[in-house]
Amino acid sequence: MLKKITIILSLFLTMAFAQAITISDIIESTKETRQKEVRVPDFSLTDLNGNIHTDESTQGKYLVVNFWATWCPPCLKEIPAFVEFYEKNKDKVLILGLDYEQAGKKEVIEFTDTFMVNYPIILFDEKNGPQFTNFGEVFGMPTTYVYDPDGRLVDFRMGEMDIADLQKAISK
C-alpha cells in the first residue's frame, strides 16, 4: 500500500511540475538555445527596388530580419519604430522587412509608401519565398531575428518590437 501511495505522489508531483511550465518559458528557453547556436543562414533576397541582399553583403552590420504582413495589427504598430530606428542606425544596421504573405508588388509598395518605410522590403514570391524558411519557422507575426555583425543570432522575438527592444538587441 505504501508503495502505491509513493508512486501516486510521485506521479502527482511530476504532473504538477509539468503544468507549471508555460508557453513563455518554452519560448524563452528556445530563444536562449537559438541565440547560442544560430548564425545567419545563407540567403539571397531581392527587394522591391531590385537590390540583392545576401548573407555576405550584410556582414559587418547588425542584420534585423522582420517577418510581417499588411493584415497584421502588431506589425502595423511596430513599423514606425523600425522606420525611426533605421533612420538613426542605418550606418551600423540593415533591416530587411520580409512581407510574409501573397500580396502583389503594387499593393505592398502602396502600403510601405503610406508608412514611409525606409528599409528594404522583400516580397514573398516564387524567387524569395522559398528562402524565407532559411531563417527559421515563423509561427506568428511579427517575428524578428537580430544578428550581430559577425552573423550570430543575438535576439529573437515573436511579437511586436519597439525602439527600446531594437536598441537593446544591438547593444548585446
Protein backbone atom coordinates (compact mmCIF):
# COMPACT_ATOMS: atom_id res chain seq x y z
CA MET A 1 0.00 0.00 0.00
CA LEU A 2 2.82 2.41 0.86
CA LYS A 3 4.44 1.67 -2.48
CA LYS A 4 1.22 2.61 -4.32
CA ILE A 5 0.93 5.89 -2.39
CA THR A 6 4.56 6.72 -3.18
CA ILE A 7 4.00 6.05 -6.88
CA ILE A 8 0.80 8.14 -6.93
CA LEU A 9 2.51 11.02 -5.12
CA SER A 10 5.50 10.95 -7.46
CA LEU A 11 3.17 10.97 -10.48
CA PHE A 12 1.16 13.81 -9.00
CA LEU A 13 4.28 15.90 -8.30
CA THR A 14 5.59 15.25 -11.80
CA MET A 15 2.30 16.34 -13.34
CA ALA A 16 2.16 19.45 -11.14
CA PHE A 17 5.67 20.40 -12.22
CA ALA A 18 4.88 19.76 -15.89
CA GLN A 19 1.83 22.02 -15.72
CA ALA A 20 3.92 24.81 -14.20
CA ILE A 21 5.86 25.20 -17.44
CA THR A 22 4.28 27.95 -19.51
CA ILE A 23 4.40 28.82 -23.17
CA SER A 24 6.56 31.86 -22.35
CA ASP A 25 9.02 29.54 -20.55
CA ILE A 26 9.23 27.38 -23.67
CA ILE A 27 9.74 30.43 -25.92
CA GLU A 28 12.40 31.85 -23.60
CA SER A 29 14.19 28.50 -23.49
CA THR A 30 14.07 28.26 -27.28
CA LYS A 31 15.29 31.84 -27.56
CA GLU A 32 18.31 31.16 -25.34
CA THR A 33 19.18 27.99 -27.25
CA ARG A 34 18.82 29.70 -30.63
CA GLN A 35 21.00 32.61 -29.57
CA LYS A 36 23.82 30.26 -28.64
CA GLU A 37 23.69 28.08 -31.73
CA VAL A 38 22.21 30.01 -34.63
CA ARG A 39 24.09 32.01 -37.22
CA VAL A 40 22.73 33.99 -40.14
CA PRO A 41 21.78 31.47 -42.83
CA ASP A 42 22.88 31.56 -46.45
CA PHE A 43 20.39 33.70 -48.37
CA SER A 44 19.96 35.82 -51.46
CA LEU A 45 16.86 38.01 -51.45
CA THR A 46 15.76 40.64 -53.95
CA ASP A 47 13.97 43.69 -52.55
CA LEU A 48 11.22 45.78 -54.14
CA ASN A 49 13.81 48.03 -55.80
CA GLY A 50 15.67 45.11 -57.41
CA ASN A 51 18.61 45.22 -54.98
CA ILE A 52 20.01 41.85 -53.94
CA HIS A 53 20.79 41.23 -50.27
CA THR A 54 22.88 38.22 -49.27
CA ASP A 55 24.40 36.83 -46.11
CA GLU A 56 27.76 38.06 -47.42
CA SER A 57 26.61 41.59 -48.30
CA THR A 58 25.18 42.11 -44.82
CA GLN A 59 28.35 41.18 -42.92
CA GLY A 60 29.81 43.94 -40.77
CA LYS A 61 26.39 45.32 -39.78
CA TYR A 62 23.68 44.18 -37.46
CA LEU A 63 21.04 42.41 -39.52
CA VAL A 64 17.42 42.71 -38.45
CA VAL A 65 15.13 40.30 -40.30
CA ASN A 66 11.50 41.18 -39.66
CA PHE A 67 8.67 38.95 -40.89
CA TRP A 68 5.47 40.99 -41.23
CA ALA A 69 2.23 41.27 -43.20
CA THR A 70 -0.10 44.09 -44.17
CA TRP A 71 -3.03 42.45 -42.32
CA CYS A 72 -1.12 42.04 -39.03
CA PRO A 73 -2.05 44.71 -36.39
CA PRO A 74 1.12 44.31 -34.25
CA CYS A 75 3.19 44.58 -37.45
CA LEU A 76 1.49 47.86 -38.28
CA LYS A 77 2.22 49.13 -34.78
CA GLU A 78 5.93 48.32 -34.95
CA ILE A 79 6.68 49.63 -38.47
CA PRO A 80 7.01 53.29 -37.35
CA ALA A 81 9.51 52.18 -34.68
CA PHE A 82 11.51 50.24 -37.27
CA VAL A 83 11.49 53.30 -39.58
CA GLU A 84 12.74 55.60 -36.81
CA PHE A 85 15.30 53.06 -35.57
CA TYR A 86 16.66 52.50 -39.08
CA GLU A 87 16.95 56.23 -39.75
CA LYS A 88 19.10 56.63 -36.63
CA ASN A 89 21.20 53.47 -37.07
CA LYS A 90 21.48 52.72 -40.80
CA ASP A 91 25.25 53.15 -40.64
CA LYS A 92 25.52 50.01 -38.49
CA VAL A 93 22.19 48.19 -39.02
CA LEU A 94 20.39 46.72 -42.02
CA ILE A 95 16.72 45.90 -41.64
CA LEU A 96 15.14 43.52 -44.12
CA GLY A 97 11.35 43.53 -43.98
CA LEU A 98 10.14 40.16 -45.26
CA ASP A 99 6.48 40.56 -46.27
CA TYR A 100 5.20 37.09 -45.40
CA GLU A 101 2.02 36.99 -47.48
CA GLN A 102 0.97 36.55 -51.08
CA ALA A 103 0.40 40.27 -51.70
CA GLY A 104 1.17 41.90 -55.02
CA LYS A 105 4.08 44.27 -55.52
CA LYS A 106 1.81 47.25 -56.22
CA GLU A 107 -0.19 46.75 -53.01
CA VAL A 108 2.93 46.33 -50.88
CA ILE A 109 4.56 49.44 -52.38
CA GLU A 110 1.41 51.49 -51.69
CA PHE A 111 1.36 50.14 -48.15
CA THR A 112 5.05 50.82 -47.43
CA ASP A 113 4.78 54.29 -49.01
CA THR A 114 1.94 55.08 -46.60
CA PHE A 115 4.20 54.16 -43.67
CA MET A 116 7.25 55.85 -45.26
CA VAL A 117 9.26 52.64 -44.89
CA ASN A 118 12.94 53.48 -45.42
CA TYR A 119 14.43 49.98 -45.25
CA PRO A 120 14.41 47.21 -47.88
CA ILE A 121 11.19 45.23 -48.27
CA ILE A 122 11.30 41.70 -49.63
CA LEU A 123 8.19 40.20 -51.25
CA PHE A 124 7.14 36.62 -50.67
CA ASP A 125 7.24 35.50 -54.28
CA GLU A 126 8.42 32.49 -56.29
CA LYS A 127 12.06 33.67 -56.09
CA ASN A 128 12.28 34.94 -52.49
CA GLY A 129 9.61 32.83 -50.78
CA PRO A 130 11.49 29.54 -50.62
CA GLN A 131 14.37 31.31 -48.82
CA PHE A 132 12.18 32.78 -46.08
CA THR A 133 12.32 29.47 -44.20
CA ASN A 134 16.14 29.64 -44.12
CA PHE A 135 15.78 31.97 -41.14
CA GLY A 136 13.56 29.56 -39.22
CA GLU A 137 9.96 28.65 -38.79
CA VAL A 138 7.56 31.58 -38.46
CA PHE A 139 4.72 30.66 -36.11
CA GLY A 140 3.26 34.13 -35.67
CA MET A 141 3.74 37.65 -36.82
CA PRO A 142 5.60 39.74 -36.43
CA THR A 143 8.69 37.62 -35.92
CA THR A 144 12.11 39.27 -35.77
CA TYR A 145 15.64 37.87 -35.83
CA VAL A 146 18.60 40.11 -34.95
CA TYR A 147 22.12 39.04 -35.93
CA ASP A 148 25.32 40.76 -34.84
CA PRO A 149 27.97 41.95 -37.36
CA ASP A 150 29.67 38.55 -37.11
CA GLY A 151 26.46 36.74 -38.06
CA ARG A 152 25.49 35.39 -34.63
CA LEU A 153 21.85 35.49 -33.54
CA VAL A 154 21.62 37.95 -30.64
CA ASP A 155 17.84 38.34 -30.37
CA PHE A 156 14.69 36.56 -31.48
CA ARG A 157 11.21 37.85 -30.90
CA MET A 158 7.72 36.67 -31.72
CA GLY A 159 5.56 39.73 -31.33
CA GLU A 160 5.93 43.46 -31.57
CA MET A 161 9.27 45.18 -31.01
CA ASP A 162 9.74 48.84 -30.17
CA ILE A 163 12.76 51.12 -30.44
CA ALA A 164 13.99 50.20 -26.94
CA ASP A 165 13.85 46.48 -27.85
CA LEU A 166 15.77 47.08 -31.07
CA GLN A 167 18.37 49.24 -29.31
CA LYS A 168 18.82 46.62 -26.61
CA ALA A 169 19.30 43.91 -29.26
CA ILE A 170 22.17 45.76 -30.93
CA SER A 171 23.86 46.60 -27.66
CA LYS A 172 24.35 42.97 -26.62
